[in-house]
């Protein structure tokens, strides 16, 4: 967020303050797909973000991130066992 804020010249806290529900949903479900709707609603509230980029970028990168989620779940299972 800091690098993007420096690059764009906008305050990253204007985006982060709306993401509380999305962070709670992702921690509770451990699923990018389950969080997608909540993340879109949170990002729509953030004024610095362009609406067309939000509607395109969040679903795209949530699907790309699914591989990382699988690796995280395998790591947690290995840690517990």
PDB file of N, CA and C in Angstrom:
ATOM      1  N   UNK A   1       0.813  -1.189   0.000  1.00  0.00           N
ATOM      2  CA  UNK A   1       0.000   0.000   0.000  1.00  0.00           C
ATOM      3  C   UNK A   1       0.860   1.257   0.000  1.00  0.00           C
ATOM      4  N   UNK A   2       1.953   1.201   0.718  1.00  0.00           N
ATOM      5  CA  UNK A   2       2.819   2.377   0.801  1.00  0.00           C
ATOM      6  C   UNK A   2       3.436   2.703  -0.554  1.00  0.00           C
ATOM      7  N   UNK A   3       3.940   1.687  -1.242  1.00  0.00           N
ATOM      8  CA  UNK A   3       4.548   1.920  -2.558  1.00  0.00           C
ATOM      9  C   UNK A   3       3.512   2.447  -3.535  1.00  0.00           C
ATOM     10  N   UNK A   4       2.324   1.875  -3.526  1.00  0.00           N
ATOM     11  CA  UNK A   4       1.260   2.348  -4.417  1.00  0.00           C
ATOM     12  C   UNK A   4       0.853   3.776  -4.061  1.00  0.00           C
ATOM     13  N   UNK A   5       0.822   4.100  -2.766  1.00  0.00           N
ATOM     14  CA  UNK A   5       0.488   5.455  -2.342  1.00  0.00           C
ATOM     15  C   UNK A   5       1.522   6.465  -2.776  1.00  0.00           C
ATOM     16  N   UNK A   6       2.805   6.101  -2.670  1.00  0.00           N
ATOM     17  CA  UNK A   6       3.869   7.001  -3.122  1.00  0.00           C
ATOM     18  C   UNK A   6       3.793   7.194  -4.634  1.00  0.00           C
ATOM     19  N   UNK A   7       3.568   6.101  -5.357  1.00  0.00           N
ATOM     20  CA  UNK A   7       3.489   6.163  -6.815  1.00  0.00           C
ATOM     21  C   UNK A   7       2.306   7.015  -7.288  1.00  0.00           C
ATOM     22  N   UNK A   8       1.146   6.817  -6.662  1.00  0.00           N
ATOM     23  CA  UNK A   8      -0.053   7.530  -7.112  1.00  0.00           C
ATOM     24  C   UNK A   8      -0.192   8.913  -6.493  1.00  0.00           C
ATOM     25  N   UNK A   9       0.512   9.157  -5.397  1.00  0.00           N
ATOM     26  CA  UNK A   9       0.394  10.442  -4.728  1.00  0.00           C
ATOM     27  C   UNK A   9      -0.858  10.553  -3.876  1.00  0.00           C
ATOM     28  N   UNK A  10      -1.473   9.412  -3.539  1.00  0.00           N
ATOM     29  CA  UNK A  10      -2.688   9.407  -2.724  1.00  0.00           C
ATOM     30  C   UNK A  10      -2.426   8.661  -1.429  1.00  0.00           C
ATOM     31  N   UNK A  11      -3.216   8.947  -0.425  1.00  0.00           N
ATOM     32  CA  UNK A  11      -3.055   8.348   0.891  1.00  0.00           C
ATOM     33  C   UNK A  11      -3.588   6.911   0.891  1.00  0.00           C
ATOM     34  N   UNK A  12      -2.749   5.914   1.175  1.00  0.00           N
ATOM     35  CA  UNK A  12      -3.226   4.533   1.178  1.00  0.00           C
ATOM     36  C   UNK A  12      -4.217   4.231   2.304  1.00  0.00           C
ATOM     37  N   UNK A  13      -4.245   5.050   3.345  1.00  0.00           N
ATOM     38  CA  UNK A  13      -5.215   4.821   4.415  1.00  0.00           C
ATOM     39  C   UNK A  13      -6.648   5.051   3.943  1.00  0.00           C
ATOM     40  N   UNK A  14      -6.830   5.827   2.858  1.00  0.00           N
ATOM     41  CA  UNK A  14      -8.164   6.024   2.301  1.00  0.00           C
ATOM     42  C   UNK A  14      -8.707   4.735   1.695  1.00  0.00           C
ATOM     43  N   UNK A  15      -7.846   3.786   1.390  1.00  0.00           N
ATOM     44  CA  UNK A  15      -8.261   2.481   0.878  1.00  0.00           C
ATOM     45  C   UNK A  15      -8.332   1.465   2.016  1.00  0.00           C
ATOM     46  N   UNK A  16      -7.318   1.452   2.862  1.00  0.00           N
ATOM     47  CA  UNK A  16      -7.212   0.437   3.911  1.00  0.00           C
ATOM     48  C   UNK A  16      -8.368   0.518   4.912  1.00  0.00           C
ATOM     49  N   UNK A  17      -8.850   1.701   5.198  1.00  0.00           N
ATOM     50  CA  UNK A  17      -9.877   1.830   6.244  1.00  0.00           C
ATOM     51  C   UNK A  17     -11.199   1.165   5.884  1.00  0.00           C
ATOM     52  N   UNK A  18     -11.439   0.896   4.612  1.00  0.00           N
ATOM     53  CA  UNK A  18     -12.672   0.228   4.194  1.00  0.00           C
ATOM     54  C   UNK A  18     -12.531  -1.295   4.135  1.00  0.00           C
ATOM     55  N   UNK A  19     -11.329  -1.820   4.302  1.00  0.00           N
ATOM     56  CA  UNK A  19     -11.086  -3.234   4.078  1.00  0.00           C
ATOM     57  C   UNK A  19     -11.269  -4.115   5.310  1.00  0.00           C
ATOM     58  N   UNK A  20     -11.713  -3.585   6.418  1.00  0.00           N
ATOM     59  CA  UNK A  20     -11.916  -4.389   7.629  1.00  0.00           C
ATOM     60  C   UNK A  20     -12.822  -5.597   7.423  1.00  0.00           C
ATOM     61  N   UNK A  21     -14.015  -5.416   6.854  1.00  0.00           N
ATOM     62  CA  UNK A  21     -14.882  -6.582   6.635  1.00  0.00           C
ATOM     63  C   UNK A  21     -14.264  -7.635   5.718  1.00  0.00           C
ATOM     64  N   UNK A  22     -13.523  -7.201   4.717  1.00  0.00           N
ATOM     65  CA  UNK A  22     -12.890  -8.167   3.816  1.00  0.00           C
ATOM     66  C   UNK A  22     -11.805  -8.951   4.547  1.00  0.00           C
ATOM     67  N   UNK A  23     -11.006  -8.286   5.379  1.00  0.00           N
ATOM     68  CA  UNK A  23      -9.965  -8.982   6.128  1.00  0.00           C
ATOM     69  C   UNK A  23     -10.579  -9.982   7.120  1.00  0.00           C
ATOM     70  N   UNK A  24     -11.649  -9.591   7.791  1.00  0.00           N
ATOM     71  CA  UNK A  24     -12.298 -10.515   8.728  1.00  0.00           C
ATOM     72  C   UNK A  24     -12.893 -11.715   8.003  1.00  0.00           C
ATOM     73  N   UNK A  25     -13.458 -11.485   6.824  1.00  0.00           N
ATOM     74  CA  UNK A  25     -14.032 -12.581   6.053  1.00  0.00           C
ATOM     75  C   UNK A  25     -12.953 -13.550   5.587  1.00  0.00           C
ATOM     76  N   UNK A  26     -11.837 -13.022   5.119  1.00  0.00           N
ATOM     77  CA  UNK A  26     -10.783 -13.910   4.619  1.00  0.00           C
ATOM     78  C   UNK A  26     -10.137 -14.686   5.753  1.00  0.00           C
ATOM     79  N   UNK A  27      -9.999 -14.093   6.922  1.00  0.00           N
ATOM     80  CA  UNK A  27      -9.421 -14.819   8.055  1.00  0.00           C
ATOM     81  C   UNK A  27     -10.395 -15.899   8.534  1.00  0.00           C
ATOM     82  N   UNK A  28     -11.677 -15.580   8.500  1.00  0.00           N
ATOM     83  CA  UNK A  28     -12.675 -16.545   8.954  1.00  0.00           C
ATOM     84  C   UNK A  28     -12.900 -17.692   7.998  1.00  0.00           C
ATOM     85  N   UNK A  29     -12.791 -17.437   6.701  1.00  0.00           N
ATOM     86  CA  UNK A  29     -13.081 -18.488   5.727  1.00  0.00           C
ATOM     87  C   UNK A  29     -11.835 -19.103   5.113  1.00  0.00           C
ATOM     88  N   UNK A  30     -10.697 -18.393   5.148  1.00  0.00           N
ATOM     89  CA  UNK A  30      -9.464 -18.828   4.477  1.00  0.00           C
ATOM     90  C   UNK A  30      -9.730 -19.126   2.995  1.00  0.00           C
ATOM     91  N   UNK A  31     -10.570 -18.298   2.375  1.00  0.00           N
ATOM     92  CA  UNK A  31     -10.940 -18.535   0.989  1.00  0.00           C
ATOM     93  C   UNK A  31     -11.006 -17.214   0.230  1.00  0.00           C
ATOM     94  N   UNK A  32     -10.234 -17.125  -0.836  1.00  0.00           N
ATOM     95  CA  UNK A  32     -10.279 -15.935  -1.681  1.00  0.00           C
ATOM     96  C   UNK A  32     -11.615 -15.840  -2.408  1.00  0.00           C
ATOM     97  N   UNK A  33     -12.157 -16.982  -2.812  1.00  0.00           N
ATOM     98  CA  UNK A  33     -13.422 -16.987  -3.539  1.00  0.00           C
ATOM     99  C   UNK A  33     -14.579 -16.532  -2.645  1.00  0.00           C
ATOM    100  N   UNK A  34     -14.575 -16.963  -1.394  1.00  0.00           N
ATOM    101  CA  UNK A  34     -15.641 -16.568  -0.480  1.00  0.00           C
ATOM    102  C   UNK A  34     -15.566 -15.091  -0.123  1.00  0.00           C
ATOM    103  N   UNK A  35     -14.388 -14.508  -0.191  1.00  0.00           N
ATOM    104  CA  UNK A  35     -14.186 -13.115   0.171  1.00  0.00           C
ATOM    105  C   UNK A  35     -14.421 -12.175  -1.003  1.00  0.00           C
ATOM    106  N   UNK A  36     -14.539 -12.704  -2.205  1.00  0.00           N
ATOM    107  CA  UNK A  36     -14.602 -11.879  -3.407  1.00  0.00           C
ATOM    108  C   UNK A  36     -15.711 -10.833  -3.348  1.00  0.00           C
ATOM    109  N   UNK A  37     -16.916 -11.219  -2.983  1.00  0.00           N
ATOM    110  CA  UNK A  37     -18.025 -10.267  -2.935  1.00  0.00           C
ATOM    111  C   UNK A  37     -17.823  -9.166  -1.906  1.00  0.00           C
ATOM    112  N   UNK A  38     -17.313  -9.539  -0.746  1.00  0.00           N
ATOM    113  CA  UNK A  38     -17.063  -8.561   0.316  1.00  0.00           C
ATOM    114  C   UNK A  38     -15.948  -7.611  -0.102  1.00  0.00           C
ATOM    115  N   UNK A  39     -14.898  -8.152  -0.724  1.00  0.00           N
ATOM    116  CA  UNK A  39     -13.783  -7.315  -1.177  1.00  0.00           C
ATOM    117  C   UNK A  39     -14.242  -6.315  -2.233  1.00  0.00           C
ATOM    118  N   UNK A  40     -15.120  -6.737  -3.135  1.00  0.00           N
ATOM    119  CA  UNK A  40     -15.636  -5.811  -4.157  1.00  0.00           C
ATOM    120  C   UNK A  40     -16.451  -4.683  -3.523  1.00  0.00           C
ATOM    121  N   UNK A  41     -17.266  -5.010  -2.535  1.00  0.00           N
ATOM    122  CA  UNK A  41     -18.051  -3.979  -1.857  1.00  0.00           C
ATOM    123  C   UNK A  41     -17.146  -2.997  -1.115  1.00  0.00           C
ATOM    124  N   UNK A  42     -16.120  -3.507  -0.452  1.00  0.00           N
ATOM    125  CA  UNK A  42     -15.191  -2.645   0.282  1.00  0.00           C
ATOM    126  C   UNK A  42     -14.420  -1.743  -0.668  1.00  0.00           C
ATOM    127  N   UNK A  43     -13.968  -2.288  -1.782  1.00  0.00           N
ATOM    128  CA  UNK A  43     -13.186  -1.507  -2.738  1.00  0.00           C
ATOM    129  C   UNK A  43     -14.038  -0.450  -3.429  1.00  0.00           C
ATOM    130  N   UNK A  44     -15.330  -0.720  -3.595  1.00  0.00           N
ATOM    131  CA  UNK A  44     -16.213   0.286  -4.210  1.00  0.00           C
ATOM    132  C   UNK A  44     -16.345   1.528  -3.337  1.00  0.00           C
ATOM    133  N   UNK A  45     -16.184   1.390  -2.037  1.00  0.00           N
ATOM    134  CA  UNK A  45     -16.294   2.525  -1.121  1.00  0.00           C
ATOM    135  C   UNK A  45     -15.056   3.416  -1.132  1.00  0.00           C
ATOM    136  N   UNK A  46     -13.913   2.856  -1.538  1.00  0.00           N
ATOM    137  CA  UNK A  46     -12.648   3.595  -1.505  1.00  0.00           C
ATOM    138  C   UNK A  46     -12.571   4.551  -2.690  1.00  0.00           C
ATOM    139  N   UNK A  47     -12.492   5.841  -2.411  1.00  0.00           N
ATOM    140  CA  UNK A  47     -12.504   6.851  -3.469  1.00  0.00           C
ATOM    141  C   UNK A  47     -11.258   6.860  -4.357  1.00  0.00           C
ATOM    142  N   UNK A  48     -10.056   6.552  -3.842  1.00  0.00           N
ATOM    143  CA  UNK A  48      -8.884   6.603  -4.722  1.00  0.00           C
ATOM    144  C   UNK A  48      -8.874   5.522  -5.811  1.00  0.00           C
ATOM    145  N   UNK A  49      -9.652   4.464  -5.644  1.00  0.00           N
ATOM    146  CA  UNK A  49      -9.628   3.359  -6.604  1.00  0.00           C
ATOM    147  C   UNK A  49     -10.612   3.608  -7.745  1.00  0.00           C
ATOM    148  N   UNK A  50     -10.142   3.370  -8.968  1.00  0.00           N
ATOM    149  CA  UNK A  50     -11.026   3.499 -10.132  1.00  0.00           C
ATOM    150  C   UNK A  50     -11.982   2.311 -10.163  1.00  0.00           C
ATOM    151  N   UNK A  51     -13.257   2.591 -10.388  1.00  0.00           N
ATOM    152  CA  UNK A  51     -14.289   1.551 -10.346  1.00  0.00           C
ATOM    153  C   UNK A  51     -14.079   0.492 -11.422  1.00  0.00           C
ATOM    154  N   UNK A  52     -13.633   0.891 -12.622  1.00  0.00           N
ATOM    155  CA  UNK A  52     -13.424  -0.093 -13.681  1.00  0.00           C
ATOM    156  C   UNK A  52     -12.258  -1.026 -13.351  1.00  0.00           C
ATOM    157  N   UNK A  53     -11.234  -0.502 -12.690  1.00  0.00           N
ATOM    158  CA  UNK A  53     -10.103  -1.340 -12.311  1.00  0.00           C
ATOM    159  C   UNK A  53     -10.469  -2.273 -11.150  1.00  0.00           C
ATOM    160  N   UNK A  54     -11.322  -1.811 -10.255  1.00  0.00           N
ATOM    161  CA  UNK A  54     -11.772  -2.650  -9.143  1.00  0.00           C
ATOM    162  C   UNK A  54     -12.563  -3.840  -9.680  1.00  0.00           C
ATOM    163  N   UNK A  55     -13.504  -3.573 -10.594  1.00  0.00           N
ATOM    164  CA  UNK A  55     -14.352  -4.632 -11.131  1.00  0.00           C
ATOM    165  C   UNK A  55     -13.568  -5.628 -11.978  1.00  0.00           C
ATOM    166  N   UNK A  56     -12.435  -5.215 -12.533  1.00  0.00           N
ATOM    167  CA  UNK A  56     -11.599  -6.108 -13.340  1.00  0.00           C
ATOM    168  C   UNK A  56     -10.498  -6.759 -12.501  1.00  0.00           C
ATOM    169  N   UNK A  57      -9.804  -5.985 -11.698  1.00  0.00           N
ATOM    170  CA  UNK A  57      -8.604  -6.453 -11.011  1.00  0.00           C
ATOM    171  C   UNK A  57      -8.864  -7.396  -9.850  1.00  0.00           C
ATOM    172  N   UNK A  58      -9.843  -7.093  -9.020  1.00  0.00           N
ATOM    173  CA  UNK A  58     -10.068  -7.927  -7.837  1.00  0.00           C
ATOM    174  C   UNK A  58     -10.486  -9.344  -8.220  1.00  0.00           C
ATOM    175  N   UNK A  59     -11.462  -9.542  -9.123  1.00  0.00           N
ATOM    176  CA  UNK A  59     -11.775 -10.937  -9.502  1.00  0.00           C
ATOM    177  C   UNK A  59     -10.613 -11.654 -10.187  1.00  0.00           C
ATOM    178  N   UNK A  60      -9.865 -10.935 -11.008  1.00  0.00           N
ATOM    179  CA  UNK A  60      -8.735 -11.558 -11.704  1.00  0.00           C
ATOM    180  C   UNK A  60      -7.682 -12.035 -10.717  1.00  0.00           C
ATOM    181  N   UNK A  61      -7.257 -11.163  -9.822  1.00  0.00           N
ATOM    182  CA  UNK A  61      -6.192 -11.523  -8.902  1.00  0.00           C
ATOM    183  C   UNK A  61      -6.663 -12.439  -7.783  1.00  0.00           C
ATOM    184  N   UNK A  62      -7.954 -12.446  -7.468  1.00  0.00           N
ATOM    185  CA  UNK A  62      -8.469 -13.412  -6.493  1.00  0.00           C
ATOM    186  C   UNK A  62      -8.354 -14.825  -7.059  1.00  0.00           C
ATOM    187  N   UNK A  63      -8.614 -14.976  -8.355  1.00  0.00           N
ATOM    188  CA  UNK A  63      -8.492 -16.297  -8.976  1.00  0.00           C
ATOM    189  C   UNK A  63      -7.038 -16.718  -9.117  1.00  0.00           C
ATOM    190  N   UNK A  64      -6.159 -15.782  -9.409  1.00  0.00           N
ATOM    191  CA  UNK A  64      -4.741 -16.101  -9.512  1.00  0.00           C
ATOM    192  C   UNK A  64      -4.196 -16.506  -8.149  1.00  0.00           C
ATOM    193  N   UNK A  65      -4.730 -15.911  -7.087  1.00  0.00           N
ATOM    194  CA  UNK A  65      -4.245 -16.155  -5.729  1.00  0.00           C
ATOM    195  C   UNK A  65      -4.681 -17.521  -5.187  1.00  0.00           C
ATOM    196  N   UNK A  66      -5.605 -18.193  -5.857  1.00  0.00           N
ATOM    197  CA  UNK A  66      -6.082 -19.470  -5.333  1.00  0.00           C
ATOM    198  C   UNK A  66      -4.949 -20.485  -5.169  1.00  0.00           C
ATOM    199  N   UNK A  67      -3.967 -20.455  -6.051  1.00  0.00           N
ATOM    200  CA  UNK A  67      -2.823 -21.365  -5.914  1.00  0.00           C
ATOM    201  C   UNK A  67      -2.076 -21.085  -4.618  1.00  0.00           C
ATOM    202  N   UNK A  68      -1.910 -19.832  -4.271  1.00  0.00           N
ATOM    203  CA  UNK A  68      -1.259 -19.468  -3.015  1.00  0.00           C
ATOM    204  C   UNK A  68      -2.063 -19.914  -1.811  1.00  0.00           C
ATOM    205  N   UNK A  69      -3.383 -19.873  -1.919  1.00  0.00           N
ATOM    206  CA  UNK A  69      -4.232 -20.329  -0.821  1.00  0.00           C
ATOM    207  C   UNK A  69      -4.062 -21.823  -0.591  1.00  0.00           C
ATOM    208  N   UNK A  70      -3.951 -22.580  -1.671  1.00  0.00           N
ATOM    209  CA  UNK A  70      -3.763 -24.021  -1.533  1.00  0.00           C
ATOM    210  C   UNK A  70      -2.442 -24.312  -0.837  1.00  0.00           C
ATOM    211  N   UNK A  71      -1.395 -23.601  -1.203  1.00  0.00           N
ATOM    212  CA  UNK A  71      -0.104 -23.804  -0.555  1.00  0.00           C
ATOM    213  C   UNK A  71      -0.165 -23.456   0.928  1.00  0.00           C
ATOM    214  N   UNK A  72      -0.906 -22.417   1.276  1.00  0.00           N
ATOM    215  CA  UNK A  72      -1.052 -22.027   2.677  1.00  0.00           C
ATOM    216  C   UNK A  72      -1.765 -23.115   3.470  1.00  0.00           C
ATOM    217  N   UNK A  73      -2.821 -23.671   2.899  1.00  0.00           N
ATOM    218  CA  UNK A  73      -3.559 -24.721   3.602  1.00  0.00           C
ATOM    219  C   UNK A  73      -2.693 -25.962   3.802  1.00  0.00           C
ATOM    220  N   UNK A  74      -1.904 -26.313   2.809  1.00  0.00           N
ATOM    221  CA  UNK A  74      -0.999 -27.465   2.948  1.00  0.00           C
ATOM    222  C   UNK A  74       0.028 -27.174   4.047  1.00  0.00           C
ATOM    223  N   UNK A  75       0.563 -25.973   4.087  1.00  0.00           N
ATOM    224  CA  UNK A  75       1.516 -25.611   5.140  1.00  0.00           C
ATOM    225  C   UNK A  75       0.897 -25.718   6.516  1.00  0.00           C
ATOM    226  N   UNK A  76      -0.347 -25.228   6.665  1.00  0.00           N
ATOM    227  CA  UNK A  76      -1.010 -25.307   7.971  1.00  0.00           C
ATOM    228  C   UNK A  76      -1.246 -26.760   8.376  1.00  0.00           C
ATOM    229  N   UNK A  77      -1.655 -27.587   7.432  1.00  0.00           N
ATOM    230  CA  UNK A  77      -1.885 -29.012   7.735  1.00  0.00           C
ATOM    231  C   UNK A  77      -0.586 -29.690   8.156  1.00  0.00           C
ATOM    232  N   UNK A  78       0.505 -29.374   7.477  1.00  0.00           N
ATOM    233  CA  UNK A  78       1.796 -29.955   7.840  1.00  0.00           C
ATOM    234  C   UNK A  78       2.242 -29.477   9.225  1.00  0.00           C
ATOM    235  N   UNK A  79       1.976 -28.217   9.533  1.00  0.00           N
ATOM    236  CA  UNK A  79       2.359 -27.678  10.835  1.00  0.00           C
ATOM    237  C   UNK A  79       1.575 -28.354  11.955  1.00  0.00           C
ATOM    238  N   UNK A  80       0.302 -28.521  11.750  1.00  0.00           N
ATOM    239  CA  UNK A  80      -0.545 -29.143  12.771  1.00  0.00           C
ATOM    240  C   UNK A  80      -0.171 -30.609  12.972  1.00  0.00           C
ATOM    241  N   UNK A  81       0.083 -31.293  11.872  1.00  0.00           N
ATOM    242  CA  UNK A  81       0.411 -32.721  12.004  1.00  0.00           C
ATOM    243  C   UNK A  81       1.819 -32.906  12.500  1.00  0.00           C
TER     244      UNK A  81
END
